[in-house]
Amino acid sequence: MKARRWILGGLALASVVAGSAWLLRSRSSGAGGPSPGGGDLAQRVVPVTSATVQRRDVPTWLEGLGTVVAFKTIAVKSQVDGRLEAVHFKEGESVKKGQLLAQIDPRPFEVQLHQAEGALARDRAQLENAKLTSVRAKTLWDKQLNARSNLDDAVAMVGQLEGTVAVDQAAIESARLNLDFARITSPVDGVTGVRLVDPGNLVRATDPAGIVVVTQLDPISVIFTVPQDDLPRISAQMRRGKLEVRAYSRDGATLLGTGWLELIDNQINQATATLRLKAVLPNPQRALWPNQFVKARLLLGTRKDALVVPATALQRGPNGSFIYVIGKDDTVQPRPVRADPPLGQTAIVEEGLVEGERIVADGQGQLRPGAKVAPRDR
């Protein structure tokens, strides 16, 4: 019996030792994670979005933050003093060049015109009389019946009255001009702003604010900045012809207008090392509005047969840029690449990839070298 108890105790102890060893081995295997050679976790399938490296012509764009500026902004002011009789525009409406905007009481200017016309008629009559007197004085002088001084006085009177008539004609022109200035018209096609003076008020030519501000919105201007290092390329392309400029919403998603580069500013901002550019864009739908912030893109040319990948595929590491390449067995390996800075949703790869290779476009967060993926086309 004693021997039997010893045997049973030994078997129980062996079972405990075997179970403990198995449990320890299981825990050790689970806590250690994937081995560098690609353990269990490395073989876990990671869902990713894939794309194919393509070769195509790619436009070369420069992008900068811009501000929309009215093509022309004009404060409409009175050029004469008088009472504002009527306003012929509605605030915020479109107006055409030459359209009547306001009317100043014209009666004082009509009186000035009539006075000038009367003075001209009087002085012309005096001039005609002086000419006849001069002719008579010349006749008497030829017959030696008059003194030379009388002839000289008659000739001088004719010249004096001719000057007076010229002054009268200028006074008529001035009166007509003031009468025309009493009709205040729009100097450009544009949109009116808030009315600054109500009818019935006395307005003067020296008033600083004016009656209304008219802004020309079609075409419209966009002023944007680019790094100063891009100046040589921009100047070289401008010498070849007009450069296309596109204006997008601030998030870059909506195209608001397309135009051309008008000028390069004549100086560089030393504080920011940037250069200002001005573009002019047709704006018939008024998608662009003064002081609106936009993203401006300047087309410098087109890269022929460039290798392109989605911008999201480009990753940054301690040794530079890289892209995960998908192998035939659906495992991934990071590959160093040399690429241009992405613009929009596309990046141009200079070195490191070949046309037709599959790459990971999205979902790189859980990837490691040799990881198994389940690619889904982009």
Protein backbone atom coordinates (compact mmCIF):
# COMPACT_ATOMS: atom_id res chain seq x y z
CA MET A 1 0.00 0.00 0.00
CA LYS A 2 2.81 2.32 0.85
CA ALA A 3 4.48 1.65 -2.52
CA ARG A 4 1.19 2.32 -4.28
CA ARG A 5 0.83 5.72 -2.62
CA TRP A 6 4.34 6.62 -3.77
CA ILE A 7 3.50 5.72 -7.35
CA LEU A 8 0.25 7.74 -7.36
CA GLY A 9 2.02 10.76 -5.85
CA GLY A 10 4.75 10.60 -8.50
CA LEU A 11 2.21 10.47 -11.32
CA ALA A 12 0.36 13.50 -9.90
CA LEU A 13 3.58 15.49 -9.60
CA ALA A 14 4.56 14.64 -13.18
CA SER A 15 1.15 15.85 -14.44
CA VAL A 16 1.52 19.17 -12.61
CA VAL A 17 5.01 19.72 -14.01
CA ALA A 18 3.90 18.90 -17.57
CA GLY A 19 0.89 21.25 -17.36
CA SER A 20 2.99 24.09 -15.99
CA ALA A 21 5.54 23.69 -18.75
CA TRP A 22 2.83 23.75 -21.44
CA LEU A 23 1.18 26.87 -19.93
CA LEU A 24 4.52 28.67 -19.69
CA ARG A 25 5.34 27.87 -23.29
CA SER A 26 1.94 29.10 -24.49
CA ARG A 27 2.22 32.40 -22.63
CA SER A 28 5.75 32.92 -23.82
CA SER A 29 4.70 32.39 -27.44
CA GLY A 30 1.75 34.81 -27.16
CA ALA A 31 3.66 37.63 -25.43
CA GLY A 32 6.68 37.60 -27.66
CA GLY A 33 4.89 38.94 -30.82
CA PRO A 34 6.05 38.36 -34.38
CA SER A 35 9.59 37.36 -34.90
CA PRO A 36 11.81 39.38 -37.23
CA GLY A 37 11.52 36.61 -39.75
CA GLY A 38 7.75 37.02 -40.00
CA GLY A 39 6.01 35.20 -37.12
CA ASP A 40 2.28 34.72 -36.69
CA LEU A 41 1.45 38.43 -36.41
CA ALA A 42 3.43 39.24 -39.51
CA GLN A 43 1.19 36.85 -41.41
CA ARG A 44 -1.98 38.62 -40.24
CA VAL A 45 -3.68 40.03 -43.35
CA VAL A 46 -3.94 43.85 -43.32
CA PRO A 47 -6.59 45.46 -45.57
CA VAL A 48 -5.13 48.29 -47.68
CA THR A 49 -6.02 50.38 -50.72
CA SER A 50 -3.77 49.72 -53.68
CA ALA A 51 -2.85 51.68 -56.79
CA THR A 52 -0.76 51.12 -59.89
CA VAL A 53 2.24 53.22 -60.84
CA GLN A 54 1.30 55.02 -64.05
CA ARG A 55 3.20 56.97 -66.68
CA ARG A 56 1.46 59.99 -68.18
CA ASP A 57 1.82 63.68 -68.98
CA VAL A 58 1.46 65.76 -65.82
CA PRO A 59 0.93 69.53 -65.69
CA THR A 60 3.44 71.38 -63.49
CA TRP A 61 1.65 73.74 -61.12
CA LEU A 62 2.78 76.27 -58.54
CA GLU A 63 0.34 76.86 -55.72
CA GLY A 64 -0.03 79.87 -53.46
CA LEU A 65 -2.55 81.46 -51.12
CA GLY A 66 -4.25 84.40 -52.76
CA THR A 67 -6.72 87.20 -52.21
CA VAL A 68 -9.35 88.35 -54.67
CA VAL A 69 -9.16 92.04 -55.56
CA ALA A 70 -11.68 94.03 -57.60
CA PHE A 71 -10.32 94.85 -61.05
CA LYS A 72 -11.28 98.49 -60.45
CA THR A 73 -12.64 100.19 -57.34
CA ILE A 74 -13.95 103.71 -57.88
CA ALA A 75 -15.44 106.09 -55.34
CA VAL A 76 -18.04 108.03 -57.31
CA LYS A 77 -17.90 111.66 -56.21
CA SER A 78 -19.50 114.88 -57.33
CA GLN A 79 -17.27 117.20 -59.35
CA VAL A 80 -19.46 120.23 -58.59
CA ASP A 81 -21.15 121.64 -55.51
CA GLY A 82 -24.91 121.44 -55.26
CA ARG A 83 -27.97 119.78 -53.77
CA LEU A 84 -28.35 116.05 -54.50
CA GLU A 85 -31.70 115.99 -56.24
CA ALA A 86 -32.15 112.27 -56.98
CA VAL A 87 -30.41 108.89 -56.81
CA HIS A 88 -31.01 106.54 -59.75
CA PHE A 89 -29.45 103.29 -58.55
CA LYS A 90 -30.22 100.57 -56.05
CA GLU A 91 -27.59 99.43 -53.63
CA GLY A 92 -25.84 96.29 -54.80
CA GLU A 93 -27.17 96.36 -58.36
CA SER A 94 -25.14 95.98 -61.53
CA VAL A 95 -24.57 99.17 -63.50
CA LYS A 96 -23.14 99.89 -66.93
CA LYS A 97 -20.53 102.43 -67.88
CA GLY A 98 -22.25 105.78 -68.50
CA GLN A 99 -25.43 104.82 -66.61
CA LEU A 100 -26.97 107.68 -64.61
CA LEU A 101 -26.37 107.18 -60.89
CA ALA A 102 -27.36 110.54 -59.36
CA GLN A 103 -28.55 114.00 -60.33
CA ILE A 104 -27.48 117.26 -58.74
CA ASP A 105 -29.84 120.24 -59.06
CA PRO A 106 -28.91 121.55 -62.53
CA ARG A 107 -30.58 124.97 -62.33
CA PRO A 108 -27.59 126.97 -61.03
CA PHE A 109 -25.45 125.60 -63.85
CA GLU A 110 -28.12 126.34 -66.43
CA VAL A 111 -28.14 129.96 -65.23
CA GLN A 112 -24.36 130.14 -65.59
CA LEU A 113 -24.64 128.78 -69.11
CA HIS A 114 -27.25 131.36 -70.10
CA GLN A 115 -25.14 134.16 -68.63
CA ALA A 116 -22.09 133.00 -70.56
CA GLU A 117 -24.09 132.74 -73.78
CA GLY A 118 -25.45 136.28 -73.26
CA ALA A 119 -21.98 137.68 -72.62
CA LEU A 120 -20.72 136.01 -75.79
CA ALA A 121 -23.54 137.53 -77.87
CA ARG A 122 -22.81 141.01 -76.45
CA ASP A 123 -19.06 140.82 -77.00
CA ARG A 124 -19.46 139.43 -80.51
CA ALA A 125 -21.62 142.44 -81.39
CA GLN A 126 -18.98 144.77 -79.95
CA LEU A 127 -16.31 142.93 -81.90
CA GLU A 128 -18.20 143.37 -85.16
CA ASN A 129 -18.58 147.08 -84.44
CA ALA A 130 -14.89 147.38 -83.60
CA LYS A 131 -13.97 145.70 -86.87
CA LEU A 132 -16.11 148.19 -88.82
CA THR A 133 -14.51 151.05 -86.91
CA SER A 134 -11.09 149.67 -87.73
CA VAL A 135 -11.97 149.50 -91.45
CA ARG A 136 -13.18 153.12 -91.44
CA ALA A 137 -10.07 154.25 -89.59
CA LYS A 138 -7.91 152.48 -92.16
CA THR A 139 -9.78 154.17 -95.02
CA LEU A 140 -9.37 157.61 -93.46
CA TRP A 141 -5.73 156.92 -92.80
CA ASP A 142 -5.16 155.96 -96.43
CA LYS A 143 -6.70 159.31 -97.49
CA GLN A 144 -4.58 161.14 -94.94
CA LEU A 145 -7.79 162.25 -93.18
CA ASN A 146 -7.12 160.57 -89.82
CA ALA A 147 -4.32 160.34 -87.32
CA ARG A 148 -2.25 157.18 -87.09
CA SER A 149 -3.12 156.85 -83.40
CA ASN A 150 -6.83 156.54 -84.21
CA LEU A 151 -6.12 153.62 -86.54
CA ASP A 152 -3.91 151.96 -83.93
CA ASP A 153 -6.61 152.36 -81.25
CA ALA A 154 -9.22 150.78 -83.54
CA VAL A 155 -6.99 147.82 -84.35
CA ALA A 156 -6.18 147.33 -80.66
CA MET A 157 -9.88 147.38 -79.77
CA VAL A 158 -10.54 144.61 -82.31
CA GLY A 159 -7.83 142.44 -80.74
CA GLN A 160 -9.10 143.12 -77.23
CA LEU A 161 -12.65 142.16 -78.12
CA GLU A 162 -11.46 139.00 -79.91
CA GLY A 163 -9.85 137.97 -76.63
CA THR A 164 -13.04 138.77 -74.77
CA VAL A 165 -15.05 136.59 -77.15
CA ALA A 166 -12.59 133.71 -76.62
CA VAL A 167 -13.03 134.09 -72.85
CA ASP A 168 -16.81 134.04 -73.29
CA GLN A 169 -16.57 130.84 -75.31
CA ALA A 170 -14.49 129.24 -72.58
CA ALA A 171 -17.07 130.34 -70.00
CA ILE A 172 -19.78 128.63 -72.04
CA GLU A 173 -17.75 125.43 -72.24
CA SER A 174 -17.16 125.55 -68.47
CA ALA A 175 -20.87 126.08 -67.80
CA ARG A 176 -21.80 123.20 -70.08
CA LEU A 177 -19.21 121.00 -68.38
CA ASN A 178 -20.59 121.83 -64.93
CA LEU A 179 -24.08 121.10 -66.21
CA ASP A 180 -22.81 117.75 -67.47
CA PHE A 181 -21.09 117.08 -64.13
CA ALA A 182 -24.45 117.57 -62.43
CA ARG A 183 -25.39 114.23 -64.04
CA ILE A 184 -23.25 111.69 -62.16
CA THR A 185 -22.72 108.54 -64.21
CA SER A 186 -20.94 105.25 -63.61
CA PRO A 187 -17.33 105.30 -64.87
CA VAL A 188 -17.18 101.51 -65.39
CA ASP A 189 -19.31 98.39 -65.62
CA GLY A 190 -19.60 97.17 -62.05
CA VAL A 191 -21.63 96.72 -58.90
CA THR A 192 -22.72 99.51 -56.59
CA GLY A 193 -22.10 99.40 -52.86
CA VAL A 194 -23.88 101.11 -49.96
CA ARG A 195 -25.28 104.57 -50.74
CA LEU A 196 -23.27 107.08 -48.75
CA VAL A 197 -25.43 110.20 -49.28
CA ASP A 198 -29.20 110.53 -49.34
CA PRO A 199 -31.10 112.80 -51.75
CA GLY A 200 -31.64 116.31 -50.41
CA ASN A 201 -28.16 116.68 -48.96
CA LEU A 202 -25.71 119.29 -50.16
CA VAL A 203 -22.72 117.63 -51.78
CA ARG A 204 -19.37 119.18 -52.58
CA ALA A 205 -16.51 118.26 -54.84
CA THR A 206 -14.24 118.16 -51.77
CA ASP A 207 -16.32 115.55 -49.90
CA PRO A 208 -13.94 112.65 -49.07
CA ALA A 209 -16.46 109.78 -49.11
CA GLY A 210 -18.41 110.46 -52.27
CA ILE A 211 -21.87 109.15 -53.13
CA VAL A 212 -21.22 105.42 -53.72
CA VAL A 213 -18.37 103.02 -54.46
CA VAL A 214 -18.54 101.04 -57.71
CA THR A 215 -16.40 97.92 -58.06
CA GLN A 216 -15.67 96.15 -61.33
CA LEU A 217 -16.02 92.38 -60.79
CA ASP A 218 -15.71 91.07 -64.34
CA PRO A 219 -12.90 90.63 -65.00
CA ILE A 220 -11.44 90.36 -61.51
CA SER A 221 -7.94 90.12 -60.07
CA VAL A 222 -6.27 87.60 -57.78
CA ILE A 223 -3.03 88.47 -55.97
CA PHE A 224 -1.12 85.48 -54.60
CA THR A 225 2.37 84.66 -53.33
CA VAL A 226 4.93 82.02 -54.26
CA PRO A 227 8.45 81.34 -52.94
CA GLN A 228 11.11 83.61 -54.39
CA ASP A 229 13.05 80.55 -55.62
CA ASP A 230 10.37 80.05 -58.29
CA LEU A 231 11.02 83.44 -59.89
CA PRO A 232 13.48 82.21 -62.59
CA ARG A 233 11.07 79.52 -63.81
CA ILE A 234 8.10 81.90 -63.85
CA SER A 235 10.03 84.61 -65.71
CA ALA A 236 11.31 82.13 -68.28
CA GLN A 237 7.80 80.80 -68.97
CA MET A 238 6.29 84.31 -69.18
CA ARG A 239 8.72 85.17 -71.95
CA ARG A 240 7.26 82.28 -73.96
CA GLY A 241 3.65 83.45 -73.59
CA LYS A 242 0.72 83.82 -71.22
CA LEU A 243 0.59 81.53 -68.19
CA GLU A 244 -2.70 80.00 -67.04
CA VAL A 245 -3.87 80.64 -63.48
CA ARG A 246 -6.71 78.82 -61.76
CA ALA A 247 -8.45 79.99 -58.61
CA TYR A 248 -9.87 77.37 -56.23
CA SER A 249 -11.81 77.56 -52.99
CA ARG A 250 -9.71 77.60 -49.81
CA ASP A 251 -9.96 73.81 -49.44
CA GLY A 252 -8.80 73.38 -53.03
CA ALA A 253 -11.88 71.38 -54.00
CA THR A 254 -13.90 73.83 -56.12
CA LEU A 255 -12.65 75.58 -59.24
CA LEU A 256 -13.86 79.19 -59.13
CA GLY A 257 -12.25 80.67 -62.23
CA THR A 258 -9.53 80.42 -64.86
CA GLY A 259 -7.47 83.30 -66.23
CA TRP A 260 -3.91 84.33 -66.96
CA LEU A 261 -0.92 85.78 -65.14
CA GLU A 262 -0.85 89.56 -65.57
CA LEU A 263 2.35 90.60 -63.82
CA ILE A 264 5.14 89.79 -61.39
CA ASP A 265 5.59 92.27 -58.57
CA ASN A 266 8.68 94.46 -58.87
CA GLN A 267 10.10 93.48 -55.48
CA ILE A 268 10.46 90.47 -53.17
CA ASN A 269 9.19 90.50 -49.60
CA GLN A 270 12.39 90.09 -47.58
CA ALA A 271 10.54 89.17 -44.40
CA THR A 272 8.85 86.13 -45.96
CA ALA A 273 11.11 85.48 -49.00
CA THR A 274 8.02 85.41 -51.20
CA LEU A 275 7.01 87.04 -54.46
CA ARG A 276 3.61 88.53 -55.28
CA LEU A 277 1.90 87.67 -58.56
CA LYS A 278 -1.24 89.20 -60.04
CA ALA A 279 -3.67 87.26 -62.23
CA VAL A 280 -6.73 88.48 -64.13
CA LEU A 281 -9.72 86.13 -64.44
CA PRO A 282 -13.09 86.43 -66.21
CA ASN A 283 -15.82 86.39 -63.60
CA PRO A 284 -19.21 86.39 -65.34
CA GLN A 285 -20.88 84.24 -62.65
CA ARG A 286 -19.32 86.25 -59.80
CA ALA A 287 -17.92 83.17 -58.14
CA LEU A 288 -15.01 85.37 -57.06
CA TRP A 289 -15.62 88.32 -54.73
CA PRO A 290 -13.28 91.05 -53.44
CA ASN A 291 -11.26 90.11 -50.30
CA GLN A 292 -12.10 86.42 -50.74
CA PHE A 293 -9.29 83.98 -49.86
CA VAL A 294 -8.51 81.43 -52.58
CA LYS A 295 -5.89 78.91 -53.61
CA ALA A 296 -4.21 80.02 -56.81
CA ARG A 297 -2.45 77.54 -59.09
CA LEU A 298 -0.06 78.70 -61.80
CA LEU A 299 0.58 76.37 -64.75
CA LEU A 300 4.29 76.40 -65.61
CA GLY A 301 4.27 73.60 -68.17
CA THR A 302 3.65 69.89 -68.65
CA ARG A 303 5.95 67.03 -67.61
CA LYS A 304 6.00 64.42 -70.36
CA ASP A 305 5.87 60.67 -69.51
CA ALA A 306 6.17 61.16 -65.75
CA LEU A 307 5.71 58.34 -63.23
CA VAL A 308 2.79 59.29 -61.00
CA VAL A 309 1.38 57.81 -57.80
CA PRO A 310 -1.34 58.96 -55.40
CA ALA A 311 0.01 61.57 -53.01
CA THR A 312 -1.20 59.44 -50.07
CA ALA A 313 1.17 56.64 -51.06
CA LEU A 314 4.23 58.75 -50.29
CA GLN A 315 5.52 58.12 -46.76
CA ARG A 316 8.23 59.86 -44.75
CA GLY A 317 10.85 57.99 -42.75
CA PRO A 318 14.13 58.78 -40.97
CA ASN A 319 16.02 58.06 -44.19
CA GLY A 320 13.73 59.99 -46.52
CA SER A 321 10.67 59.18 -48.61
CA PHE A 322 9.49 55.63 -49.25
CA ILE A 323 6.51 53.75 -50.67
CA TYR A 324 5.18 50.30 -49.76
CA VAL A 325 5.36 48.06 -52.85
CA ILE A 326 3.02 45.04 -53.06
CA GLY A 327 4.70 41.83 -54.22
CA LYS A 328 3.17 38.96 -56.19
CA ASP A 329 2.45 37.10 -52.95
CA ASP A 330 0.57 40.14 -51.56
CA THR A 331 3.32 40.99 -49.08
CA VAL A 332 4.71 44.49 -48.84
CA GLN A 333 8.20 45.92 -48.67
CA PRO A 334 9.14 49.59 -48.20
CA ARG A 335 11.15 51.01 -51.09
CA PRO A 336 13.08 54.32 -50.96
CA VAL A 337 12.01 56.78 -53.66
CA ARG A 338 12.87 60.26 -54.83
CA ALA A 339 9.74 62.26 -55.51
CA ASP A 340 8.67 65.84 -56.12
CA PRO A 341 6.52 67.55 -53.49
CA PRO A 342 2.89 66.45 -53.98
CA LEU A 343 0.48 68.89 -55.57
CA GLY A 344 -3.13 68.07 -54.98
CA GLN A 345 -3.76 64.33 -55.09
CA THR A 346 -0.79 63.35 -57.26
CA ALA A 347 2.95 62.97 -56.71
CA ILE A 348 5.65 62.54 -59.36
CA VAL A 349 8.27 59.89 -58.63
CA GLU A 350 11.73 60.51 -60.09
CA GLU A 351 13.46 57.32 -58.93
CA GLY A 352 12.60 54.07 -57.14
CA LEU A 353 9.57 52.71 -59.01
CA VAL A 354 8.73 51.33 -62.43
CA GLU A 355 5.53 51.60 -64.42
CA GLY A 356 2.90 48.97 -63.61
CA GLU A 357 4.02 48.13 -60.05
CA ARG A 358 1.36 47.85 -57.36
CA ILE A 359 1.75 50.06 -54.35
CA VAL A 360 -0.14 50.80 -51.14
CA ALA A 361 -2.08 54.01 -51.57
CA ASP A 362 -3.78 54.05 -48.17
CA GLY A 363 -3.77 52.02 -44.96
CA GLN A 364 -0.03 52.06 -44.20
CA GLY A 365 -0.51 52.59 -40.48
CA GLN A 366 -0.39 48.87 -39.56
CA LEU A 367 2.19 47.76 -42.11
CA ARG A 368 5.64 46.31 -41.44
CA PRO A 369 8.20 44.89 -43.85
CA GLY A 370 6.93 41.54 -45.11
CA ALA A 371 3.36 42.08 -43.87
CA LYS A 372 0.57 40.25 -45.69
CA VAL A 373 -2.07 42.56 -47.20
CA ALA A 374 -5.50 42.29 -48.75
CA PRO A 375 -5.33 44.98 -51.46
CA ARG A 376 -8.44 46.74 -52.69
CA ASP A 377 -8.20 48.81 -55.88
CA ARG A 378 -8.36 52.56 -55.45
